[in-house]
Structures are given as C-alpha cells and as structure tokens.
Amino acid sequence: RHEQAIAQTRSSTQTILDAIATQVEKPEC
C-alpha cells in the first residue's frame, strides 16, 4: 500500500508539472 501511495503521488505530481509546463511559456533569451 505504501508503494502504491508513492506511485500515485508521483503520478499526480507529474500531471501537475505537465499542466504547468503547457500553461507557462519558457522564457527565451
């Protein structure tokens, strides 16, 4: 159950990071 909870947390964190990356443009020099 602990491993499943860690995997679920990693998955949701990656989903949030992907959403942020698509909404925020990377700055260009």
Full PDB file with SEQRES, HELIX, SHEET, SSBOND, CRYST1, ORIGX, SCALE, CONECT and MASTER records, all heavy atoms in Angstrom:
SEQRES   1 A   29  ARG HIS GLU GLN ALA ILE ALA GLN THR ARG SER SER THR          
SEQRES   2 A   29  GLN THR ILE LEU ASP ALA ILE ALA THR GLN VAL GLU LYS          
SEQRES   3 A   29  PRO GLU CYS                                                  
HELIX    1 AA1 HIS A    2  GLN A   23  1                                  22    
CRYST1    1.000    1.000    1.000  90.00  90.00  90.00 P 1           1          
ORIGX1      1.000000  0.000000  0.000000        0.00000                         
ORIGX2      0.000000  1.000000  0.000000        0.00000                         
ORIGX3      0.000000  0.000000  1.000000        0.00000                         
SCALE1      1.000000  0.000000  0.000000        0.00000                         
SCALE2      0.000000  1.000000  0.000000        0.00000                         
SCALE3      0.000000  0.000000  1.000000        0.00000                         
ATOM      1  N   ARG A   1       0.834  -1.211   0.000  1.00  0.00           N  
ATOM      2  CA  ARG A   1       0.000   0.000   0.000  1.00  0.00           C  
ATOM      3  C   ARG A   1       0.871   1.265   0.000  1.00  0.00           C  
ATOM      4  O   ARG A   1       0.547   2.259  -0.644  1.00  0.00           O  
ATOM      5  CB  ARG A   1      -0.945  -0.005   1.199  1.00  0.00           C  
ATOM      6  CG  ARG A   1      -2.150  -0.934   1.030  1.00  0.00           C  
ATOM      7  CD  ARG A   1      -3.232  -0.662   2.058  1.00  0.00           C  
ATOM      8  NE  ARG A   1      -2.781  -0.842   3.431  1.00  0.00           N  
ATOM      9  CZ  ARG A   1      -2.814  -1.986   4.114  1.00  0.00           C  
ATOM     10  NH1 ARG A   1      -3.303  -3.073   3.541  1.00  0.00           N  
ATOM     11  NH2 ARG A   1      -2.379  -2.052   5.347  1.00  0.00           N  
ATOM     12  N   HIS A   2       1.999   1.209   0.712  1.00  0.00           N  
ATOM     13  CA  HIS A   2       2.920   2.352   0.753  1.00  0.00           C  
ATOM     14  C   HIS A   2       3.499   2.620  -0.638  1.00  0.00           C  
ATOM     15  O   HIS A   2       3.543   3.773  -1.085  1.00  0.00           O  
ATOM     16  CB  HIS A   2       4.037   2.075   1.769  1.00  0.00           C  
ATOM     17  CG  HIS A   2       5.053   3.165   1.873  1.00  0.00           C  
ATOM     18  ND1 HIS A   2       4.778   4.368   2.452  1.00  0.00           N  
ATOM     19  CD2 HIS A   2       6.343   3.226   1.457  1.00  0.00           C  
ATOM     20  CE1 HIS A   2       5.851   5.138   2.394  1.00  0.00           C  
ATOM     21  NE2 HIS A   2       6.822   4.455   1.796  1.00  0.00           N  
ATOM     22  N   GLU A   3       3.927   1.592  -1.323  1.00  0.00           N  
ATOM     23  CA  GLU A   3       4.468   1.747  -2.681  1.00  0.00           C  
ATOM     24  C   GLU A   3       3.399   2.286  -3.629  1.00  0.00           C  
ATOM     25  O   GLU A   3       3.680   3.120  -4.492  1.00  0.00           O  
ATOM     26  CB  GLU A   3       5.031   0.417  -3.198  1.00  0.00           C  
ATOM     27  CG  GLU A   3       6.299  -0.031  -2.509  1.00  0.00           C  
ATOM     28  CD  GLU A   3       7.437   0.951  -2.711  1.00  0.00           C  
ATOM     29  OE1 GLU A   3       7.548   1.532  -3.812  1.00  0.00           O  
ATOM     30  OE2 GLU A   3       8.206   1.143  -1.752  1.00  0.00           O  
ATOM     31  N   GLN A   4       2.158   1.810  -3.470  1.00  0.00           N  
ATOM     32  CA  GLN A   4       1.066   2.302  -4.316  1.00  0.00           C  
ATOM     33  C   GLN A   4       0.810   3.788  -4.055  1.00  0.00           C  
ATOM     34  O   GLN A   4       0.589   4.567  -4.989  1.00  0.00           O  
ATOM     35  CB  GLN A   4      -0.213   1.497  -4.056  1.00  0.00           C  
ATOM     36  CG  GLN A   4      -0.170   0.072  -4.587  1.00  0.00           C  
ATOM     37  CD  GLN A   4      -1.388  -0.741  -4.154  1.00  0.00           C  
ATOM     38  OE1 GLN A   4      -2.140  -0.344  -3.269  1.00  0.00           O  
ATOM     39  NE2 GLN A   4      -1.562  -1.907  -4.779  1.00  0.00           N  
ATOM     40  N   ALA A   5       0.858   4.203  -2.785  1.00  0.00           N  
ATOM     41  CA  ALA A   5       0.638   5.614  -2.449  1.00  0.00           C  
ATOM     42  C   ALA A   5       1.746   6.489  -3.031  1.00  0.00           C  
ATOM     43  O   ALA A   5       1.490   7.581  -3.558  1.00  0.00           O  
ATOM     44  CB  ALA A   5       0.556   5.801  -0.929  1.00  0.00           C  
ATOM     45  N   ILE A   6       2.988   6.020  -2.962  1.00  0.00           N  
ATOM     46  CA  ILE A   6       4.114   6.781  -3.534  1.00  0.00           C  
ATOM     47  C   ILE A   6       3.961   6.898  -5.043  1.00  0.00           C  
ATOM     48  O   ILE A   6       4.152   7.969  -5.619  1.00  0.00           O  
ATOM     49  CB  ILE A   6       5.458   6.122  -3.151  1.00  0.00           C  
ATOM     50  CG1 ILE A   6       5.745   6.332  -1.668  1.00  0.00           C  
ATOM     51  CG2 ILE A   6       6.593   6.673  -3.997  1.00  0.00           C  
ATOM     52  CD1 ILE A   6       6.979   5.623  -1.174  1.00  0.00           C  
ATOM     53  N   ALA A   7       3.589   5.808  -5.701  1.00  0.00           N  
ATOM     54  CA  ALA A   7       3.415   5.841  -7.155  1.00  0.00           C  
ATOM     55  C   ALA A   7       2.288   6.798  -7.537  1.00  0.00           C  
ATOM     56  O   ALA A   7       2.405   7.556  -8.513  1.00  0.00           O  
ATOM     57  CB  ALA A   7       3.128   4.432  -7.680  1.00  0.00           C  
ATOM     58  N   GLN A   8       1.198   6.790  -6.779  1.00  0.00           N  
ATOM     59  CA  GLN A   8       0.078   7.683  -7.061  1.00  0.00           C  
ATOM     60  C   GLN A   8       0.494   9.151  -6.862  1.00  0.00           C  
ATOM     61  O   GLN A   8       0.145  10.010  -7.670  1.00  0.00           O  
ATOM     62  CB  GLN A   8      -1.099   7.338  -6.157  1.00  0.00           C  
ATOM     63  CG  GLN A   8      -2.352   8.139  -6.450  1.00  0.00           C  
ATOM     64  CD  GLN A   8      -3.501   7.744  -5.537  1.00  0.00           C  
ATOM     65  OE1 GLN A   8      -3.332   6.953  -4.623  1.00  0.00           O  
ATOM     66  NE2 GLN A   8      -4.663   8.304  -5.796  1.00  0.00           N  
ATOM     67  N   THR A   9       1.258   9.421  -5.816  1.00  0.00           N  
ATOM     68  CA  THR A   9       1.738  10.790  -5.565  1.00  0.00           C  
ATOM     69  C   THR A   9       2.655  11.250  -6.683  1.00  0.00           C  
ATOM     70  O   THR A   9       2.549  12.384  -7.169  1.00  0.00           O  
ATOM     71  CB  THR A   9       2.474  10.855  -4.207  1.00  0.00           C  
ATOM     72  OG1 THR A   9       1.604  10.406  -3.178  1.00  0.00           O  
ATOM     73  CG2 THR A   9       2.940  12.262  -3.902  1.00  0.00           C  
ATOM     74  N   ARG A  10       3.557  10.377  -7.110  1.00  0.00           N  
ATOM     75  CA  ARG A  10       4.450  10.739  -8.220  1.00  0.00           C  
ATOM     76  C   ARG A  10       3.661  11.016  -9.487  1.00  0.00           C  
ATOM     77  O   ARG A  10       3.949  11.959 -10.228  1.00  0.00           O  
ATOM     78  CB  ARG A  10       5.455   9.623  -8.472  1.00  0.00           C  
ATOM     79  CG  ARG A  10       6.558   9.576  -7.454  1.00  0.00           C  
ATOM     80  CD  ARG A  10       7.594   8.543  -7.788  1.00  0.00           C  
ATOM     81  NE  ARG A  10       8.599   8.468  -6.749  1.00  0.00           N  
ATOM     82  CZ  ARG A  10       9.250   7.387  -6.421  1.00  0.00           C  
ATOM     83  NH1 ARG A  10       9.033   6.268  -7.073  1.00  0.00           N  
ATOM     84  NH2 ARG A  10      10.146   7.407  -5.456  1.00  0.00           N  
ATOM     85  N   SER A  11       2.659  10.200  -9.744  1.00  0.00           N  
ATOM     86  CA  SER A  11       1.852  10.372 -10.940  1.00  0.00           C  
ATOM     87  C   SER A  11       1.104  11.711 -10.909  1.00  0.00           C  
ATOM     88  O   SER A  11       1.090  12.450 -11.898  1.00  0.00           O  
ATOM     89  CB  SER A  11       0.868   9.213 -11.067  1.00  0.00           C  
ATOM     90  OG  SER A  11      -0.032   9.442 -12.116  1.00  0.00           O  
ATOM     91  N   SER A  12       0.490  12.039  -9.764  1.00  0.00           N  
ATOM     92  CA  SER A  12      -0.259  13.298  -9.682  1.00  0.00           C  
ATOM     93  C   SER A  12       0.683  14.499  -9.739  1.00  0.00           C  
ATOM     94  O   SER A  12       0.362  15.517 -10.347  1.00  0.00           O  
ATOM     95  CB  SER A  12      -1.111  13.347  -8.413  1.00  0.00           C  
ATOM     96  OG  SER A  12      -0.298  13.295  -7.263  1.00  0.00           O  
ATOM     97  N   THR A  13       1.861  14.380  -9.143  1.00  0.00           N  
ATOM     98  CA  THR A  13       2.844  15.469  -9.215  1.00  0.00           C  
ATOM     99  C   THR A  13       3.287  15.687 -10.650  1.00  0.00           C  
ATOM    100  O   THR A  13       3.393  16.827 -11.108  1.00  0.00           O  
ATOM    101  CB  THR A  13       4.066  15.154  -8.322  1.00  0.00           C  
ATOM    102  OG1 THR A  13       3.632  14.948  -6.981  1.00  0.00           O  
ATOM    103  CG2 THR A  13       5.084  16.278  -8.358  1.00  0.00           C  
ATOM    104  N   GLN A  14       3.543  14.616 -11.378  1.00  0.00           N  
ATOM    105  CA  GLN A  14       3.954  14.744 -12.776  1.00  0.00           C  
ATOM    106  C   GLN A  14       2.839  15.364 -13.606  1.00  0.00           C  
ATOM    107  O   GLN A  14       3.100  16.174 -14.503  1.00  0.00           O  
ATOM    108  CB  GLN A  14       4.356  13.370 -13.342  1.00  0.00           C  
ATOM    109  CG  GLN A  14       5.003  13.450 -14.697  1.00  0.00           C  
ATOM    110  CD  GLN A  14       6.266  14.298 -14.688  1.00  0.00           C  
ATOM    111  OE1 GLN A  14       7.088  14.194 -13.795  1.00  0.00           O  
ATOM    112  NE2 GLN A  14       6.409  15.158 -15.685  1.00  0.00           N  
ATOM    113  N   THR A  15       1.591  15.009 -13.319  1.00  0.00           N  
ATOM    114  CA  THR A  15       0.453  15.591 -14.037  1.00  0.00           C  
ATOM    115  C   THR A  15       0.402  17.095 -13.809  1.00  0.00           C  
ATOM    116  O   THR A  15       0.194  17.879 -14.756  1.00  0.00           O  
ATOM    117  CB  THR A  15      -0.861  14.941 -13.566  1.00  0.00           C  
ATOM    118  OG1 THR A  15      -0.775  13.526 -13.765  1.00  0.00           O  
ATOM    119  CG2 THR A  15      -2.055  15.495 -14.314  1.00  0.00           C  
ATOM    120  N   ILE A  16       0.621  17.522 -12.563  1.00  0.00           N  
ATOM    121  CA  ILE A  16       0.608  18.957 -12.242  1.00  0.00           C  
ATOM    122  C   ILE A  16       1.763  19.663 -12.951  1.00  0.00           C  
ATOM    123  O   ILE A  16       1.589  20.741 -13.529  1.00  0.00           O  
ATOM    124  CB  ILE A  16       0.679  19.162 -10.718  1.00  0.00           C  
ATOM    125  CG1 ILE A  16      -0.618  18.679 -10.062  1.00  0.00           C  
ATOM    126  CG2 ILE A  16       0.950  20.616 -10.361  1.00  0.00           C  
ATOM    127  CD1 ILE A  16      -0.558  18.618  -8.555  1.00  0.00           C  
ATOM    128  N   LEU A  17       2.950  19.064 -12.928  1.00  0.00           N  
ATOM    129  CA  LEU A  17       4.104  19.673 -13.587  1.00  0.00           C  
ATOM    130  C   LEU A  17       3.885  19.790 -15.095  1.00  0.00           C  
ATOM    131  O   LEU A  17       4.265  20.790 -15.717  1.00  0.00           O  
ATOM    132  CB  LEU A  17       5.372  18.877 -13.292  1.00  0.00           C  
ATOM    133  CG  LEU A  17       5.896  18.954 -11.848  1.00  0.00           C  
ATOM    134  CD1 LEU A  17       7.079  18.017 -11.661  1.00  0.00           C  
ATOM    135  CD2 LEU A  17       6.269  20.368 -11.492  1.00  0.00           C  
ATOM    136  N   ASP A  18       3.277  18.769 -15.688  1.00  0.00           N  
ATOM    137  CA  ASP A  18       2.987  18.826 -17.126  1.00  0.00           C  
ATOM    138  C   ASP A  18       1.986  19.935 -17.434  1.00  0.00           C  
ATOM    139  O   ASP A  18       2.129  20.651 -18.432  1.00  0.00           O  
ATOM    140  CB  ASP A  18       2.445  17.477 -17.617  1.00  0.00           C  
ATOM    141  CG  ASP A  18       3.512  16.383 -17.587  1.00  0.00           C  
ATOM    142  OD1 ASP A  18       4.707  16.729 -17.519  1.00  0.00           O  
ATOM    143  OD2 ASP A  18       3.131  15.192 -17.620  1.00  0.00           O  
ATOM    144  N   ALA A  19       0.979  20.104 -16.565  1.00  0.00           N  
ATOM    145  CA  ALA A  19      -0.011  21.166 -16.771  1.00  0.00           C  
ATOM    146  C   ALA A  19       0.648  22.540 -16.649  1.00  0.00           C  
ATOM    147  O   ALA A  19       0.363  23.452 -17.436  1.00  0.00           O  
ATOM    148  CB  ALA A  19      -1.145  21.035 -15.751  1.00  0.00           C  
ATOM    149  N   ILE A  20       1.521  22.689 -15.712  1.00  0.00           N  
ATOM    150  CA  ILE A  20       2.228  23.976 -15.548  1.00  0.00           C  
ATOM    151  C   ILE A  20       3.106  24.246 -16.763  1.00  0.00           C  
ATOM    152  O   ILE A  20       3.150  25.369 -17.276  1.00  0.00           O  
ATOM    153  CB  ILE A  20       3.061  23.975 -14.250  1.00  0.00           C  
ATOM    154  CG1 ILE A  20       2.141  24.006 -13.034  1.00  0.00           C  
ATOM    155  CG2 ILE A  20       4.025  25.151 -14.209  1.00  0.00           C  
ATOM    156  CD1 ILE A  20       2.866  23.808 -11.716  1.00  0.00           C  
ATOM    157  N   ALA A  21       3.800  23.231 -17.234  1.00  0.00           N  
ATOM    158  CA  ALA A  21       4.702  23.412 -18.375  1.00  0.00           C  
ATOM    159  C   ALA A  21       3.935  23.819 -19.629  1.00  0.00           C  
ATOM    160  O   ALA A  21       4.440  24.593 -20.447  1.00  0.00           O  
ATOM    161  CB  ALA A  21       5.492  22.136 -18.629  1.00  0.00           C  
ATOM    162  N   THR A  22       2.723  23.317 -19.807  1.00  0.00           N  
ATOM    163  CA  THR A  22       1.961  23.682 -21.002  1.00  0.00           C  
ATOM    164  C   THR A  22       1.348  25.072 -20.863  1.00  0.00           C  
ATOM    165  O   THR A  22       1.135  25.750 -21.863  1.00  0.00           O  
ATOM    166  CB  THR A  22       0.839  22.657 -21.278  1.00  0.00           C  
ATOM    167  OG1 THR A  22      -0.015  22.573 -20.135  1.00  0.00           O  
ATOM    168  CG2 THR A  22       1.416  21.304 -21.609  1.00  0.00           C  
ATOM    169  N   GLN A  23       1.073  25.536 -19.634  1.00  0.00           N  
ATOM    170  CA  GLN A  23       0.450  26.843 -19.442  1.00  0.00           C  
ATOM    171  C   GLN A  23       1.477  27.975 -19.416  1.00  0.00           C  
ATOM    172  O   GLN A  23       1.172  29.090 -19.788  1.00  0.00           O  
ATOM    173  CB  GLN A  23      -0.352  26.862 -18.141  1.00  0.00           C  
ATOM    174  CG  GLN A  23      -1.573  25.978 -18.197  1.00  0.00           C  
ATOM    175  CD  GLN A  23      -2.321  25.955 -16.874  1.00  0.00           C  
ATOM    176  OE1 GLN A  23      -1.910  26.586 -15.930  1.00  0.00           O  
ATOM    177  NE2 GLN A  23      -3.407  25.221 -16.821  1.00  0.00           N  
ATOM    178  N   VAL A  24       2.670  27.715 -18.970  1.00  0.00           N  
ATOM    179  CA  VAL A  24       3.693  28.752 -18.849  1.00  0.00           C  
ATOM    180  C   VAL A  24       4.717  28.562 -19.955  1.00  0.00           C  
ATOM    181  O   VAL A  24       5.279  27.486 -20.109  1.00  0.00           O  
ATOM    182  CB  VAL A  24       4.378  28.661 -17.462  1.00  0.00           C  
ATOM    183  CG1 VAL A  24       5.489  29.702 -17.355  1.00  0.00           C  
ATOM    184  CG2 VAL A  24       3.371  28.827 -16.355  1.00  0.00           C  
ATOM    185  N   GLU A  25       4.952  29.635 -20.706  1.00  0.00           N  
ATOM    186  CA  GLU A  25       5.942  29.559 -21.764  1.00  0.00           C  
ATOM    187  C   GLU A  25       7.326  29.724 -21.161  1.00  0.00           C  
ATOM    188  O   GLU A  25       7.525  30.521 -20.241  1.00  0.00           O  
ATOM    189  CB  GLU A  25       5.707  30.667 -22.785  1.00  0.00           C  
ATOM    190  CG  GLU A  25       4.408  30.542 -23.536  1.00  0.00           C  
ATOM    191  CD  GLU A  25       4.225  31.694 -24.506  1.00  0.00           C  
ATOM    192  OE1 GLU A  25       5.221  32.376 -24.819  1.00  0.00           O  
ATOM    193  OE2 GLU A  25       3.091  31.903 -24.939  1.00  0.00           O  
ATOM    194  N   LYS A  26       8.252  28.991 -21.689  1.00  0.00           N  
ATOM    195  CA  LYS A  26       9.621  29.121 -21.225  1.00  0.00           C  
ATOM    196  C   LYS A  26      10.186  30.439 -21.750  1.00  0.00           C  
ATOM    197  O   LYS A  26       9.942  30.801 -22.895  1.00  0.00           O  
ATOM    198  CB  LYS A  26      10.474  27.955 -21.727  1.00  0.00           C  
ATOM    199  CG  LYS A  26      10.099  26.639 -21.097  1.00  0.00           C  
ATOM    200  CD  LYS A  26      10.983  25.527 -21.587  1.00  0.00           C  
ATOM    201  CE  LYS A  26      10.565  24.209 -20.974  1.00  0.00           C  
ATOM    202  NZ  LYS A  26      11.379  23.110 -21.452  1.00  0.00           N  
ATOM    203  N   PRO A  27      10.925  31.160 -20.922  1.00  0.00           N  
ATOM    204  CA  PRO A  27      11.479  32.428 -21.399  1.00  0.00           C  
ATOM    205  C   PRO A  27      12.563  32.187 -22.445  1.00  0.00           C  
ATOM    206  O   PRO A  27      13.290  31.205 -22.380  1.00  0.00           O  
ATOM    207  CB  PRO A  27      12.079  33.051 -20.128  1.00  0.00           C  
ATOM    208  CG  PRO A  27      12.319  31.905 -19.209  1.00  0.00           C  
ATOM    209  CD  PRO A  27      11.273  30.875 -19.549  1.00  0.00           C  
ATOM    210  N   GLU A  28      12.593  33.070 -23.394  1.00  0.00           N  
ATOM    211  CA  GLU A  28      13.603  32.969 -24.432  1.00  0.00           C  
ATOM    212  C   GLU A  28      14.543  34.157 -24.310  1.00  0.00           C  
ATOM    213  O   GLU A  28      14.114  35.278 -24.059  1.00  0.00           O  
ATOM    214  CB  GLU A  28      12.952  32.980 -25.815  1.00  0.00           C  
ATOM    215  CG  GLU A  28      12.107  31.747 -26.092  1.00  0.00           C  
ATOM    216  CD  GLU A  28      11.513  31.784 -27.483  1.00  0.00           C  
ATOM    217  OE1 GLU A  28      11.937  32.623 -28.302  1.00  0.00           O  
ATOM    218  OE2 GLU A  28      10.623  30.973 -27.745  1.00  0.00           O  
ATOM    219  N   CYS A  29      15.786  33.915 -24.487  1.00  0.00           N  
ATOM    220  CA  CYS A  29      16.774  34.991 -24.448  1.00  0.00           C  
ATOM    221  C   CYS A  29      16.694  35.778 -25.748  1.00  0.00           C  
ATOM    222  O   CYS A  29      16.476  35.202 -26.805  1.00  0.00           O  
ATOM    223  CB  CYS A  29      18.188  34.432 -24.267  1.00  0.00           C  
ATOM    224  SG  CYS A  29      18.434  33.634 -22.679  1.00  0.00           S  
TER     225      CYS A  29                                                      
MASTER        0    0    0    1    0    0    0    6  224    1    0    3          
END                                                                             
